[in-house]
N, C-alpha and C. Protein backbone atom coordinates (compact mmCIF):
# COMPACT_ATOMS: atom_id res chain seq x y z
N MET A 1 -4.50 24.22 23.25
CA MET A 1 -4.03 25.49 21.87
C MET A 1 -4.30 25.75 20.96
N GLU A 2 -4.25 27.13 20.39
CA GLU A 2 -4.55 27.06 19.19
C GLU A 2 -3.56 26.96 18.06
N MET A 3 -3.64 26.48 17.03
CA MET A 3 -2.95 26.57 16.17
C MET A 3 -2.40 27.67 15.30
N THR A 4 -1.29 27.88 15.25
CA THR A 4 -0.71 28.99 14.02
C THR A 4 -0.73 28.72 12.67
N HIS A 5 -0.45 29.81 12.49
CA HIS A 5 -0.90 29.27 10.40
C HIS A 5 0.93 28.48 10.34
N ALA A 6 2.05 29.50 11.17
CA ALA A 6 3.24 28.19 11.04
C ALA A 6 2.63 27.07 11.54
N SER A 7 2.65 26.59 12.12
CA SER A 7 2.24 25.28 12.72
C SER A 7 0.97 24.38 11.75
N VAL A 8 0.07 25.21 11.29
CA VAL A 8 -0.56 24.28 9.59
C VAL A 8 0.33 23.79 9.02
N GLU A 9 1.34 24.79 8.20
CA GLU A 9 2.45 24.83 7.20
C GLU A 9 3.20 23.39 7.51
N GLU A 10 3.30 23.01 9.05
CA GLU A 10 4.27 22.45 9.11
C GLU A 10 3.45 20.74 9.49
N ARG A 11 2.18 20.60 9.00
CA ARG A 11 1.87 18.97 9.18
C ARG A 11 1.95 18.75 7.89
N PRO A 12 2.32 17.51 7.63
CA PRO A 12 2.97 16.55 6.62
C PRO A 12 1.97 16.32 5.77
N TYR A 13 0.78 16.59 5.66
CA TYR A 13 -0.16 16.60 4.52
C TYR A 13 -0.83 17.99 4.29
N ALA A 14 -0.59 18.79 4.65
CA ALA A 14 -1.09 19.90 4.65
C ALA A 14 -1.13 20.52 2.58
N ALA A 15 0.39 20.35 2.11
CA ALA A 15 0.00 20.60 0.88
C ALA A 15 -0.07 19.82 0.07
N ALA A 16 -0.46 18.59 0.38
CA ALA A 16 -0.65 17.58 -0.30
C ALA A 16 -2.42 17.68 -0.79
N GLN A 17 -2.69 18.34 0.47
CA GLN A 17 -4.06 18.43 0.71
C GLN A 17 -4.76 19.41 0.00
N ARG A 18 -3.79 20.22 0.30
CA ARG A 18 -4.46 21.84 -0.75
C ARG A 18 -4.17 21.37 -1.88
N LEU A 19 -3.08 20.94 -2.08
CA LEU A 19 -2.85 20.24 -4.32
C LEU A 19 -4.31 19.78 -4.65
N LEU A 20 -4.60 18.95 -3.53
CA LEU A 20 -6.01 18.15 -3.80
C LEU A 20 -6.92 18.81 -4.11
N THR A 21 -7.30 19.30 -3.18
CA THR A 21 -8.75 20.17 -2.75
C THR A 21 -8.83 21.25 -4.21
N GLY A 22 -7.60 21.79 -4.10
CA GLY A 22 -7.63 22.98 -4.96
C GLY A 22 -7.73 22.35 -6.83
N ALA A 23 -7.10 21.22 -6.93
CA ALA A 23 -7.36 20.39 -8.40
C ALA A 23 -9.07 19.68 -8.16
N GLY A 24 -9.86 20.23 -6.89
CA GLY A 24 -11.07 19.61 -7.05
C GLY A 24 -11.36 17.85 -6.67
N LEU A 25 -10.08 17.38 -6.05
CA LEU A 25 -10.03 16.14 -6.06
C LEU A 25 -10.24 15.67 -4.10
N ARG A 26 -11.29 15.34 -4.10
CA ARG A 26 -11.72 14.44 -2.73
C ARG A 26 -9.99 14.05 -2.30
N PRO A 27 -9.79 14.92 -0.83
CA PRO A 27 -8.23 14.46 -0.40
C PRO A 27 -8.14 12.52 0.31
N THR A 28 -8.92 12.16 -0.18
CA THR A 28 -8.66 10.40 0.33
C THR A 28 -7.37 10.42 1.32
N ARG A 29 -7.20 9.77 2.31
CA ARG A 29 -5.93 8.82 2.68
C ARG A 29 -4.74 8.57 1.94
N GLN A 30 -5.71 7.59 0.73
CA GLN A 30 -4.36 7.05 -0.48
C GLN A 30 -4.14 8.56 -1.27
N ARG A 31 -5.04 8.84 -1.95
CA ARG A 31 -4.55 10.44 -2.59
C ARG A 31 -3.75 11.42 -1.75
N LEU A 32 -3.97 11.13 -0.31
CA LEU A 32 -2.95 12.27 0.40
C LEU A 32 -1.47 11.69 0.51
N HIS A 33 -1.62 10.34 0.57
CA HIS A 33 -0.06 9.33 0.37
C HIS A 33 0.65 9.82 -1.11
N LEU A 34 0.06 9.58 -1.96
CA LEU A 34 0.33 9.57 -2.82
C LEU A 34 0.95 10.95 -3.95
N ALA A 35 0.00 11.63 -3.05
CA ALA A 35 0.24 13.05 -3.66
C ALA A 35 1.43 13.54 -2.66
N ARG A 36 1.69 13.08 -1.63
CA ARG A 36 3.06 13.96 -1.17
C ARG A 36 4.49 13.00 -1.31
N LEU A 37 4.06 12.17 -2.21
CA LEU A 37 5.70 11.39 -2.79
C LEU A 37 5.65 11.74 -3.90
N LEU A 38 4.46 12.10 -4.23
CA LEU A 38 4.49 12.11 -6.03
C LEU A 38 4.90 14.16 -6.23
N PHE A 39 4.55 14.87 -5.65
CA PHE A 39 5.35 15.97 -5.39
C PHE A 39 5.96 16.78 -4.92
N ALA A 40 6.57 15.55 -3.87
CA ALA A 40 7.81 16.35 -2.66
C ALA A 40 8.91 16.62 -3.11
N ASP A 41 9.15 15.87 -4.00
CA ASP A 41 10.94 16.74 -5.43
C ASP A 41 10.68 17.18 -6.02
N GLY A 42 10.23 18.11 -6.55
CA GLY A 42 9.98 18.42 -7.88
C GLY A 42 9.56 17.24 -8.96
N PRO A 43 9.97 18.36 -10.37
CA PRO A 43 9.50 17.60 -11.38
C PRO A 43 9.96 15.86 -11.33
N ARG A 44 8.84 15.12 -11.87
CA ARG A 44 9.70 14.07 -12.19
C ARG A 44 8.99 13.00 -13.03
N HIS A 45 9.22 12.14 -13.84
CA HIS A 45 8.46 10.94 -14.79
C HIS A 45 8.54 9.63 -13.66
N LEU A 46 7.25 9.10 -13.93
CA LEU A 46 7.11 7.89 -13.12
C LEU A 46 5.97 7.20 -13.67
N THR A 47 6.36 5.80 -13.42
CA THR A 47 4.78 4.89 -13.31
C THR A 47 4.14 4.37 -12.83
N ALA A 48 3.00 3.99 -12.88
CA ALA A 48 2.58 3.47 -11.61
C ALA A 48 3.36 2.00 -10.97
N GLU A 49 3.52 1.29 -11.66
CA GLU A 49 4.22 0.09 -10.91
C GLU A 49 5.52 0.98 -10.33
N MET A 50 6.20 2.01 -10.80
CA MET A 50 7.64 2.94 -9.84
C MET A 50 7.20 3.47 -8.07
N LEU A 51 6.00 4.16 -8.46
CA LEU A 51 5.04 4.98 -7.51
C LEU A 51 4.49 3.45 -6.50
N ALA A 52 4.33 2.90 -6.85
CA ALA A 52 3.30 1.56 -5.94
C ALA A 52 4.82 1.09 -5.44
N GLN A 53 5.76 1.01 -6.05
CA GLN A 53 7.53 -0.07 -5.50
C GLN A 53 7.81 1.86 -3.95
N GLU A 54 7.54 2.84 -4.49
CA GLU A 54 7.75 3.97 -3.87
C GLU A 54 6.68 3.59 -2.03
N VAL A 55 5.61 3.35 -2.49
CA VAL A 55 4.95 3.33 -1.55
C VAL A 55 4.91 2.49 -0.24
N TYR A 56 5.77 1.32 -1.06
CA TYR A 56 5.62 -0.14 -0.53
C TYR A 56 6.87 0.41 0.64
N GLU A 57 7.64 1.26 -0.24
CA GLU A 57 9.39 1.39 0.22
C GLU A 57 9.23 2.47 1.69
N HIS A 58 8.03 2.84 1.62
CA HIS A 58 7.61 3.86 2.80
C HIS A 58 6.86 3.30 3.75
N GLY A 59 6.67 2.14 3.44
CA GLY A 59 5.92 1.48 4.74
C GLY A 59 4.45 1.16 4.67
N LEU A 60 3.78 2.01 3.61
CA LEU A 60 2.41 1.89 2.96
C LEU A 60 1.85 0.55 2.49
N LYS A 61 0.92 0.11 2.36
CA LYS A 61 0.15 -0.40 1.88
C LYS A 61 -1.22 -0.28 1.11
N LEU A 62 -0.97 -0.39 -0.70
CA LEU A 62 -2.00 0.24 -1.16
C LEU A 62 -1.83 -0.44 -2.67
N PRO A 63 -3.12 -0.84 -2.78
CA PRO A 63 -2.71 -1.82 -3.88
C PRO A 63 -2.66 -1.25 -5.63
N LEU A 64 -2.28 -2.19 -6.32
CA LEU A 64 -1.52 -1.45 -7.42
C LEU A 64 -2.45 -0.48 -7.94
N GLY A 65 -3.98 -1.34 -8.30
CA GLY A 65 -5.56 -0.81 -8.89
C GLY A 65 -5.23 0.40 -8.28
N THR A 66 -5.26 0.57 -6.73
CA THR A 66 -5.71 2.03 -6.11
C THR A 66 -4.74 3.09 -7.15
N VAL A 67 -3.37 2.73 -7.06
CA VAL A 67 -1.95 3.78 -7.23
C VAL A 67 -2.90 4.20 -8.93
N TYR A 68 -2.86 3.21 -9.92
CA TYR A 68 -3.43 3.38 -11.12
C TYR A 68 -4.63 4.36 -11.29
N ASN A 69 -5.31 4.36 -10.31
CA ASN A 69 -6.58 4.63 -10.17
C ASN A 69 -6.21 7.01 -9.68
N ALA A 70 -5.68 6.55 -9.13
CA ALA A 70 -4.97 7.82 -8.41
C ALA A 70 -4.45 8.90 -9.32
N LEU A 71 -3.51 7.80 -10.17
CA LEU A 71 -2.71 8.73 -11.01
C LEU A 71 -3.49 9.07 -11.98
N HIS A 72 -4.53 8.05 -12.77
CA HIS A 72 -5.64 8.53 -13.74
C HIS A 72 -6.13 10.03 -13.59
N ALA A 73 -6.51 9.78 -12.07
CA ALA A 73 -7.39 11.12 -11.51
C ALA A 73 -6.84 11.82 -11.02
N PHE A 74 -5.33 12.08 -10.92
CA PHE A 74 -4.87 13.11 -10.97
C PHE A 74 -4.27 13.91 -12.31
N ALA A 75 -4.25 12.66 -13.01
CA ALA A 75 -4.37 13.30 -14.44
C ALA A 75 -5.56 14.48 -15.18
N ARG A 76 -6.69 13.73 -14.89
CA ARG A 76 -7.97 13.95 -15.35
C ARG A 76 -8.06 15.25 -14.78
N ALA A 77 -7.55 15.47 -13.45
CA ALA A 77 -7.54 16.68 -12.65
C ALA A 77 -6.59 17.76 -13.18
N GLY A 78 -5.59 17.64 -13.84
CA GLY A 78 -4.55 18.13 -14.59
C GLY A 78 -3.51 18.64 -13.47
N LEU A 79 -2.88 17.56 -12.54
CA LEU A 79 -1.93 17.83 -11.65
C LEU A 79 -0.66 16.68 -12.72
N LEU A 80 -1.51 15.96 -13.18
CA LEU A 80 -0.02 14.96 -13.95
C LEU A 80 -0.25 15.36 -15.89
N ARG A 81 0.36 14.16 -16.35
CA ARG A 81 0.29 14.34 -17.90
C ARG A 81 0.48 12.70 -18.11
N GLU A 82 -0.28 12.56 -18.67
CA GLU A 82 0.09 11.14 -19.14
C GLU A 82 1.05 11.19 -20.41
N VAL A 83 1.95 10.18 -20.34
CA VAL A 83 2.65 10.24 -21.05
C VAL A 83 3.31 8.78 -21.98
N ALA A 84 2.40 8.66 -23.55
CA ALA A 84 2.05 6.90 -23.70
C ALA A 84 3.61 6.65 -24.69
N VAL A 85 4.23 6.06 -24.34
CA VAL A 85 5.82 5.61 -24.81
C VAL A 85 5.50 4.56 -25.62
N ASP A 86 4.96 3.80 -25.49
CA ASP A 86 4.49 2.59 -25.88
C ASP A 86 3.72 2.23 -25.65
N GLY A 87 2.76 0.82 -26.54
CA GLY A 87 1.39 -0.07 -25.92
C GLY A 87 1.59 -0.26 -24.71
N THR A 88 3.20 -0.48 -24.13
CA THR A 88 3.11 -1.67 -22.83
C THR A 88 3.07 -0.26 -21.56
N ARG A 89 3.62 0.87 -21.67
CA ARG A 89 3.70 1.13 -20.62
C ARG A 89 3.25 2.46 -20.60
N THR A 90 2.67 3.47 -19.58
CA THR A 90 2.18 4.77 -19.80
C THR A 90 3.16 5.73 -18.75
N TRP A 91 3.84 6.20 -18.57
CA TRP A 91 4.60 7.31 -18.17
C TRP A 91 3.55 8.43 -17.22
N PHE A 92 3.69 9.04 -16.31
CA PHE A 92 2.83 9.96 -15.75
C PHE A 92 3.76 11.45 -15.28
N ASP A 93 4.04 12.43 -15.79
CA ASP A 93 5.10 13.66 -15.87
C ASP A 93 4.52 14.45 -14.63
N THR A 94 5.29 15.14 -13.94
CA THR A 94 4.57 16.02 -13.10
C THR A 94 4.66 17.79 -13.55
N HIS A 95 5.74 17.68 -14.59
CA HIS A 95 5.82 19.19 -15.20
C HIS A 95 4.35 18.60 -16.67
N THR A 96 3.47 19.45 -15.88
CA THR A 96 1.93 19.46 -16.81
C THR A 96 1.82 20.30 -17.64
N GLU A 97 3.15 21.29 -18.32
CA GLU A 97 2.79 22.28 -19.59
C GLU A 97 3.75 21.44 -20.07
N PRO A 98 3.13 21.58 -21.86
CA PRO A 98 3.72 21.18 -22.94
C PRO A 98 4.80 21.07 -23.10
N HIS A 99 5.62 19.82 -23.13
CA HIS A 99 7.32 19.86 -23.27
C HIS A 99 7.17 18.55 -23.76
N HIS A 100 8.90 18.48 -24.54
CA HIS A 100 9.04 17.26 -25.38
C HIS A 100 9.98 16.28 -24.62
N HIS A 101 10.02 15.00 -25.04
CA HIS A 101 10.68 13.97 -24.47
C HIS A 101 11.74 13.56 -24.97
N PHE A 102 13.24 12.84 -24.21
CA PHE A 102 13.80 11.78 -24.74
C PHE A 102 13.32 10.54 -24.14
N VAL A 103 13.44 9.44 -24.75
CA VAL A 103 13.19 8.00 -23.69
C VAL A 103 14.15 7.25 -24.00
N ASP A 104 14.87 6.63 -23.51
CA ASP A 104 16.64 5.98 -23.54
C ASP A 104 15.80 4.37 -23.90
N ALA A 105 17.36 3.85 -23.86
CA ALA A 105 16.83 2.25 -24.62
C ALA A 105 16.18 1.53 -23.11
N ASN A 106 16.27 1.77 -22.11
CA ASN A 106 15.41 1.53 -21.28
C ASN A 106 14.12 1.66 -20.94
N GLY A 107 13.56 2.96 -21.94
CA GLY A 107 12.20 3.40 -21.57
C GLY A 107 12.03 4.50 -20.44
N ARG A 108 13.28 5.09 -19.83
CA ARG A 108 12.44 6.02 -19.15
C ARG A 108 12.78 7.48 -19.82
N LEU A 109 12.27 8.27 -19.50
CA LEU A 109 11.85 9.63 -19.67
C LEU A 109 12.79 10.49 -19.39
N ALA A 110 13.26 11.92 -20.07
CA ALA A 110 14.10 12.82 -19.48
C ALA A 110 13.07 13.81 -20.73
N ASP A 111 13.13 15.32 -19.71
CA ASP A 111 12.11 16.15 -20.42
C ASP A 111 13.61 16.76 -21.35
N ILE A 112 13.22 17.36 -23.06
CA ILE A 112 13.76 17.82 -23.58
C ILE A 112 13.99 19.09 -23.42
N PRO A 113 15.07 19.90 -23.12
CA PRO A 113 14.83 21.65 -22.66
C PRO A 113 14.20 22.12 -23.58
N ALA A 114 13.65 23.44 -23.06
CA ALA A 114 12.50 24.39 -23.35
C ALA A 114 13.37 25.39 -24.48
N GLY A 115 12.77 25.11 -25.72
CA GLY A 115 12.91 25.65 -26.96
C GLY A 115 14.52 24.94 -27.44
N ALA A 116 14.73 23.79 -27.67
CA ALA A 116 15.32 23.01 -27.80
C ALA A 116 15.23 22.23 -29.29
N ILE A 117 13.66 22.49 -29.44
CA ILE A 117 12.86 21.98 -30.38
C ILE A 117 12.63 23.17 -31.53
N GLU A 118 12.83 23.13 -32.66
CA GLU A 118 11.66 24.23 -33.51
C GLU A 118 10.96 23.68 -35.03
N LEU A 119 9.74 23.82 -34.47
CA LEU A 119 9.18 23.00 -35.74
C LEU A 119 8.87 24.35 -36.37
N ALA A 120 9.12 23.80 -38.22
CA ALA A 120 8.88 25.01 -38.99
C ALA A 120 6.95 25.10 -39.74
N ARG A 121 6.96 23.78 -39.59
CA ARG A 121 5.28 23.90 -39.86
C ARG A 121 4.89 22.47 -39.83
N LEU A 122 3.40 22.74 -39.70
CA LEU A 122 2.44 21.51 -39.22
C LEU A 122 1.69 21.46 -39.98
N PRO A 123 1.17 19.60 -40.37
CA PRO A 123 0.42 20.01 -41.22
C PRO A 123 -1.44 20.43 -40.48
N ALA A 124 -2.38 21.30 -41.52
CA ALA A 124 -3.91 21.17 -41.50
C ALA A 124 -3.97 20.19 -40.17
N ALA A 125 -4.94 20.27 -39.41
CA ALA A 125 -5.64 19.96 -38.64
C ALA A 125 -6.88 18.95 -39.98
N PRO A 126 -7.46 17.66 -39.77
CA PRO A 126 -8.57 17.51 -40.20
C PRO A 126 -9.77 18.05 -39.87
N GLU A 127 -10.32 18.51 -41.13
CA GLU A 127 -12.11 19.19 -41.22
C GLU A 127 -12.74 19.27 -39.78
N GLY A 128 -13.13 19.84 -38.83
CA GLY A 128 -13.33 19.89 -38.05
C GLY A 128 -12.60 19.74 -36.41
N GLN A 129 -11.47 19.66 -36.66
CA GLN A 129 -10.70 19.68 -35.52
C GLN A 129 -9.53 20.64 -35.54
N GLU A 130 -9.07 21.10 -34.36
CA GLU A 130 -7.69 21.64 -34.47
C GLU A 130 -6.88 21.22 -33.56
N ILE A 131 -5.43 21.51 -34.19
CA ILE A 131 -4.06 20.59 -32.83
C ILE A 131 -4.09 21.53 -31.76
N GLN A 132 -4.45 20.71 -30.95
CA GLN A 132 -4.26 20.98 -29.23
C GLN A 132 -2.83 21.20 -28.81
N SER A 133 -2.10 20.41 -29.27
CA SER A 133 -0.63 20.28 -28.66
C SER A 133 -0.24 19.43 -29.61
N VAL A 134 1.43 19.99 -29.61
CA VAL A 134 2.39 19.28 -29.75
C VAL A 134 3.42 18.55 -28.92
N GLU A 135 3.85 17.49 -28.85
CA GLU A 135 4.88 17.00 -28.19
C GLU A 135 5.86 15.59 -28.85
N ILE A 136 6.91 15.95 -28.96
CA ILE A 136 7.31 15.29 -29.71
C ILE A 136 8.20 14.24 -28.82
N VAL A 137 8.24 12.78 -28.83
CA VAL A 137 9.14 11.85 -28.21
C VAL A 137 10.71 11.51 -29.31
N LEU A 138 11.52 11.93 -28.50
CA LEU A 138 12.94 11.25 -29.32
C LEU A 138 13.68 10.37 -28.72
N ARG A 139 13.47 9.00 -29.47
CA ARG A 139 14.05 7.46 -28.96
C ARG A 139 15.52 7.66 -28.89
N LEU A 140 16.01 7.23 -28.12
CA LEU A 140 17.34 6.84 -28.30
C LEU A 140 18.02 5.70 -27.96
N LYS A 141 19.00 5.39 -28.63
CA LYS A 141 19.76 4.22 -28.05
C LYS A 141 21.17 4.48 -28.32
N ARG A 142 21.70 3.31 -27.49
CA ARG A 142 23.32 3.62 -27.08
C ARG A 142 24.00 3.03 -27.93
N ILE A 143 25.24 3.77 -28.73
CA ILE A 143 26.07 3.76 -29.41
C ILE A 143 27.55 3.69 -29.12
C-alpha cells in the first residue's frame, strides 16, 4: 500500500522528526519522544526534572541524564532557550524569541507580555563586545 501525504502527516512522530532534522539534530528514539512531549501543546516552561516526570507518566523509561543531554542539545540547536533563574535550577523555554519573565515565589516562570517593559537606556558594553540581547526576570512574592 502506498503512503499518501496525509498518512505521513498522521504518523505520531512525524512532526518531531521534521523539527529535529530541521534543526540539524539526529532524531534518535529518545529525542523523538522528548520533542513530542515538549512541543505538542504550545509554548511552555519546564525543568529537566519536570520533563523526566512527564516521560515517566507516559510510560517511557529515560534516565534523567538523557533528558538533560537532550534539552541542552535542543537549546544549542535553537529549539529551546535556557533561562537561568537562580544557581540551582535551569528552566527551558519553548518560546525562543527574546522575551522577559516573571518568577513566582515557588520558582515557576511565566512570560511577560511583549511590549510590557520599556527600556529607556542600556549601559555601553565592555570594549570588544556588544549586547546580544536583554532578558529581564522579575521576581514575585505573595502579599
